[in-house]
């Protein structure tokens, strides 16, 4: 039977591996995103598509626009990949559960 110290050591090791894998996934996603953007630009040039053809305005396409994107800056990432900006209001469930389990917000800083 494993001791609590051994189990905690294994958890820490796995948390580090998870963190490393998440960083790798983010890097791959950014690389993939870059190639998709390049492909879309080529198609736009090839077919002479304009922003009005796509019904795009000069603003961000996202639901909240540029101001919402700034307000949603990720400051904390949970164990299952959840994110939180640390803003005002209620904390997400994963944050309250982690705090109740003895963790601190600094454990989840990005």
C-alpha atoms as a PDB file:
ATOM      1  CA  UNK A   1       0.000   0.000   0.000  1.00  0.00           C
ATOM      2  CA  UNK A   2       1.342   3.428  -0.988  1.00  0.00           C
ATOM      3  CA  UNK A   3       1.883   6.154   1.552  1.00  0.00           C
ATOM      4  CA  UNK A   4       0.218   9.549   1.349  1.00  0.00           C
ATOM      5  CA  UNK A   5       3.585  11.118   0.497  1.00  0.00           C
ATOM      6  CA  UNK A   6       4.069   8.699  -2.417  1.00  0.00           C
ATOM      7  CA  UNK A   7       0.577   9.367  -3.711  1.00  0.00           C
ATOM      8  CA  UNK A   8       1.073  13.139  -3.466  1.00  0.00           C
ATOM      9  CA  UNK A   9       4.377  12.784  -5.307  1.00  0.00           C
ATOM     10  CA  UNK A  10       2.672  10.835  -8.082  1.00  0.00           C
ATOM     11  CA  UNK A  11      -0.107  13.423  -8.293  1.00  0.00           C
ATOM     12  CA  UNK A  12       2.446  16.226  -8.580  1.00  0.00           C
ATOM     13  CA  UNK A  13       4.323  14.321 -11.304  1.00  0.00           C
ATOM     14  CA  UNK A  14       1.102  13.731 -13.246  1.00  0.00           C
ATOM     15  CA  UNK A  15       0.017  17.359 -12.810  1.00  0.00           C
ATOM     16  CA  UNK A  16       3.341  18.460 -14.314  1.00  0.00           C
ATOM     17  CA  UNK A  17       2.867  16.051 -17.216  1.00  0.00           C
ATOM     18  CA  UNK A  18      -0.685  17.318 -17.760  1.00  0.00           C
ATOM     19  CA  UNK A  19       0.551  20.897 -17.738  1.00  0.00           C
ATOM     20  CA  UNK A  20       3.276  20.057 -20.258  1.00  0.00           C
ATOM     21  CA  UNK A  21       0.771  18.266 -22.516  1.00  0.00           C
ATOM     22  CA  UNK A  22      -1.609  21.232 -22.352  1.00  0.00           C
ATOM     23  CA  UNK A  23       1.223  23.567 -23.400  1.00  0.00           C
ATOM     24  CA  UNK A  24       2.069  21.236 -26.297  1.00  0.00           C
ATOM     25  CA  UNK A  25      -1.595  21.106 -27.339  1.00  0.00           C
ATOM     26  CA  UNK A  26      -1.811  24.904 -27.235  1.00  0.00           C
ATOM     27  CA  UNK A  27       1.327  25.185 -29.393  1.00  0.00           C
ATOM     28  CA  UNK A  28      -0.056  22.695 -31.916  1.00  0.00           C
ATOM     29  CA  UNK A  29      -3.394  24.506 -31.988  1.00  0.00           C
ATOM     30  CA  UNK A  30      -1.666  27.816 -32.664  1.00  0.00           C
ATOM     31  CA  UNK A  31       0.371  26.233 -35.470  1.00  0.00           C
ATOM     32  CA  UNK A  32      -2.760  24.672 -36.949  1.00  0.00           C
ATOM     33  CA  UNK A  33      -4.606  27.979 -36.632  1.00  0.00           C
ATOM     34  CA  UNK A  34      -1.809  29.767 -38.506  1.00  0.00           C
ATOM     35  CA  UNK A  35      -1.987  27.316 -41.393  1.00  0.00           C
ATOM     36  CA  UNK A  36      -5.796  27.588 -41.537  1.00  0.00           C
ATOM     37  CA  UNK A  37      -5.569  31.394 -41.623  1.00  0.00           C
ATOM     38  CA  UNK A  38      -3.020  31.206 -44.454  1.00  0.00           C
ATOM     39  CA  UNK A  39      -5.245  28.798 -46.381  1.00  0.00           C
ATOM     40  CA  UNK A  40      -8.283  31.064 -45.951  1.00  0.00           C
ATOM     41  CA  UNK A  41      -6.272  34.101 -47.099  1.00  0.00           C
ATOM     42  CA  UNK A  42      -5.219  32.241 -50.244  1.00  0.00           C
ATOM     43  CA  UNK A  43      -8.825  31.285 -51.012  1.00  0.00           C
ATOM     44  CA  UNK A  44      -9.993  34.860 -50.411  1.00  0.00           C
ATOM     45  CA  UNK A  45      -7.369  36.149 -52.844  1.00  0.00           C
ATOM     46  CA  UNK A  46      -8.056  33.375 -55.366  1.00  0.00           C
ATOM     47  CA  UNK A  47     -11.806  34.023 -55.464  1.00  0.00           C
ATOM     48  CA  UNK A  48     -11.703  37.792 -54.860  1.00  0.00           C
ATOM     49  CA  UNK A  49     -13.858  37.553 -51.737  1.00  0.00           C
ATOM     50  CA  UNK A  50     -14.404  40.737 -49.728  1.00  0.00           C
ATOM     51  CA  UNK A  51     -15.374  41.317 -46.107  1.00  0.00           C
ATOM     52  CA  UNK A  52     -18.817  42.436 -47.262  1.00  0.00           C
ATOM     53  CA  UNK A  53     -19.234  39.145 -49.191  1.00  0.00           C
ATOM     54  CA  UNK A  54     -18.651  37.389 -45.889  1.00  0.00           C
ATOM     55  CA  UNK A  55     -20.891  39.883 -44.080  1.00  0.00           C
ATOM     56  CA  UNK A  56     -18.020  40.933 -41.826  1.00  0.00           C
ATOM     57  CA  UNK A  57     -17.720  44.370 -40.309  1.00  0.00           C
ATOM     58  CA  UNK A  58     -14.496  46.015 -39.168  1.00  0.00           C
ATOM     59  CA  UNK A  59     -15.151  44.713 -35.645  1.00  0.00           C
ATOM     60  CA  UNK A  60     -14.126  41.430 -34.116  1.00  0.00           C
ATOM     61  CA  UNK A  61     -16.259  38.477 -35.176  1.00  0.00           C
ATOM     62  CA  UNK A  62     -16.482  37.068 -31.636  1.00  0.00           C
ATOM     63  CA  UNK A  63     -19.641  37.268 -29.566  1.00  0.00           C
ATOM     64  CA  UNK A  64     -18.361  40.029 -27.301  1.00  0.00           C
ATOM     65  CA  UNK A  65     -15.931  41.817 -29.592  1.00  0.00           C
ATOM     66  CA  UNK A  66     -12.546  43.189 -28.605  1.00  0.00           C
ATOM     67  CA  UNK A  67     -13.670  44.585 -25.234  1.00  0.00           C
ATOM     68  CA  UNK A  68     -15.037  41.191 -24.202  1.00  0.00           C
ATOM     69  CA  UNK A  69     -11.829  39.474 -25.230  1.00  0.00           C
ATOM     70  CA  UNK A  70      -9.794  41.788 -23.003  1.00  0.00           C
ATOM     71  CA  UNK A  71     -12.169  41.189 -20.112  1.00  0.00           C
ATOM     72  CA  UNK A  72     -11.817  37.413 -20.533  1.00  0.00           C
ATOM     73  CA  UNK A  73      -8.053  37.228 -20.169  1.00  0.00           C
ATOM     74  CA  UNK A  74      -7.305  33.880 -18.575  1.00  0.00           C
ATOM     75  CA  UNK A  75      -5.532  34.180 -15.239  1.00  0.00           C
ATOM     76  CA  UNK A  76      -6.310  30.739 -13.815  1.00  0.00           C
ATOM     77  CA  UNK A  77      -6.541  27.262 -15.364  1.00  0.00           C
ATOM     78  CA  UNK A  78      -8.186  24.364 -13.563  1.00  0.00           C
ATOM     79  CA  UNK A  79      -7.122  20.716 -13.405  1.00  0.00           C
ATOM     80  CA  UNK A  80      -9.429  19.728 -16.266  1.00  0.00           C
ATOM     81  CA  UNK A  81      -8.541  22.728 -18.459  1.00  0.00           C
ATOM     82  CA  UNK A  82     -11.233  25.055 -17.160  1.00  0.00           C
ATOM     83  CA  UNK A  83     -10.342  28.729 -17.259  1.00  0.00           C
ATOM     84  CA  UNK A  84     -11.265  31.758 -15.170  1.00  0.00           C
ATOM     85  CA  UNK A  85     -10.344  35.409 -15.541  1.00  0.00           C
ATOM     86  CA  UNK A  86     -10.476  36.045 -11.795  1.00  0.00           C
ATOM     87  CA  UNK A  87     -13.039  38.777 -12.284  1.00  0.00           C
ATOM     88  CA  UNK A  88     -15.751  39.987  -9.984  1.00  0.00           C
ATOM     89  CA  UNK A  89     -18.718  37.829  -9.122  1.00  0.00           C
ATOM     90  CA  UNK A  90     -19.048  34.205  -8.112  1.00  0.00           C
ATOM     91  CA  UNK A  91     -16.072  31.959  -8.479  1.00  0.00           C
ATOM     92  CA  UNK A  92     -16.493  28.945 -10.763  1.00  0.00           C
ATOM     93  CA  UNK A  93     -17.312  25.646  -9.062  1.00  0.00           C
ATOM     94  CA  UNK A  94     -13.885  24.157  -9.782  1.00  0.00           C
ATOM     95  CA  UNK A  95     -12.270  27.117  -7.973  1.00  0.00           C
ATOM     96  CA  UNK A  96     -14.486  26.901  -4.885  1.00  0.00           C
ATOM     97  CA  UNK A  97     -14.002  23.127  -4.686  1.00  0.00           C
ATOM     98  CA  UNK A  98     -10.227  23.454  -4.997  1.00  0.00           C
ATOM     99  CA  UNK A  99     -10.098  26.164  -2.335  1.00  0.00           C
ATOM    100  CA  UNK A 100     -12.233  24.008  -0.033  1.00  0.00           C
ATOM    101  CA  UNK A 101      -9.775  21.146  -0.607  1.00  0.00           C
ATOM    102  CA  UNK A 102      -6.916  23.302   0.680  1.00  0.00           C
ATOM    103  CA  UNK A 103      -5.477  24.559  -2.610  1.00  0.00           C
ATOM    104  CA  UNK A 104      -4.765  28.234  -3.246  1.00  0.00           C
ATOM    105  CA  UNK A 105      -5.406  30.375  -6.313  1.00  0.00           C
ATOM    106  CA  UNK A 106      -1.664  30.591  -6.916  1.00  0.00           C
ATOM    107  CA  UNK A 107      -1.730  26.841  -7.660  1.00  0.00           C
ATOM    108  CA  UNK A 108      -3.807  27.590 -10.780  1.00  0.00           C
ATOM    109  CA  UNK A 109      -2.169  30.765 -12.095  1.00  0.00           C
ATOM    110  CA  UNK A 110      -1.382  30.715 -15.795  1.00  0.00           C
END
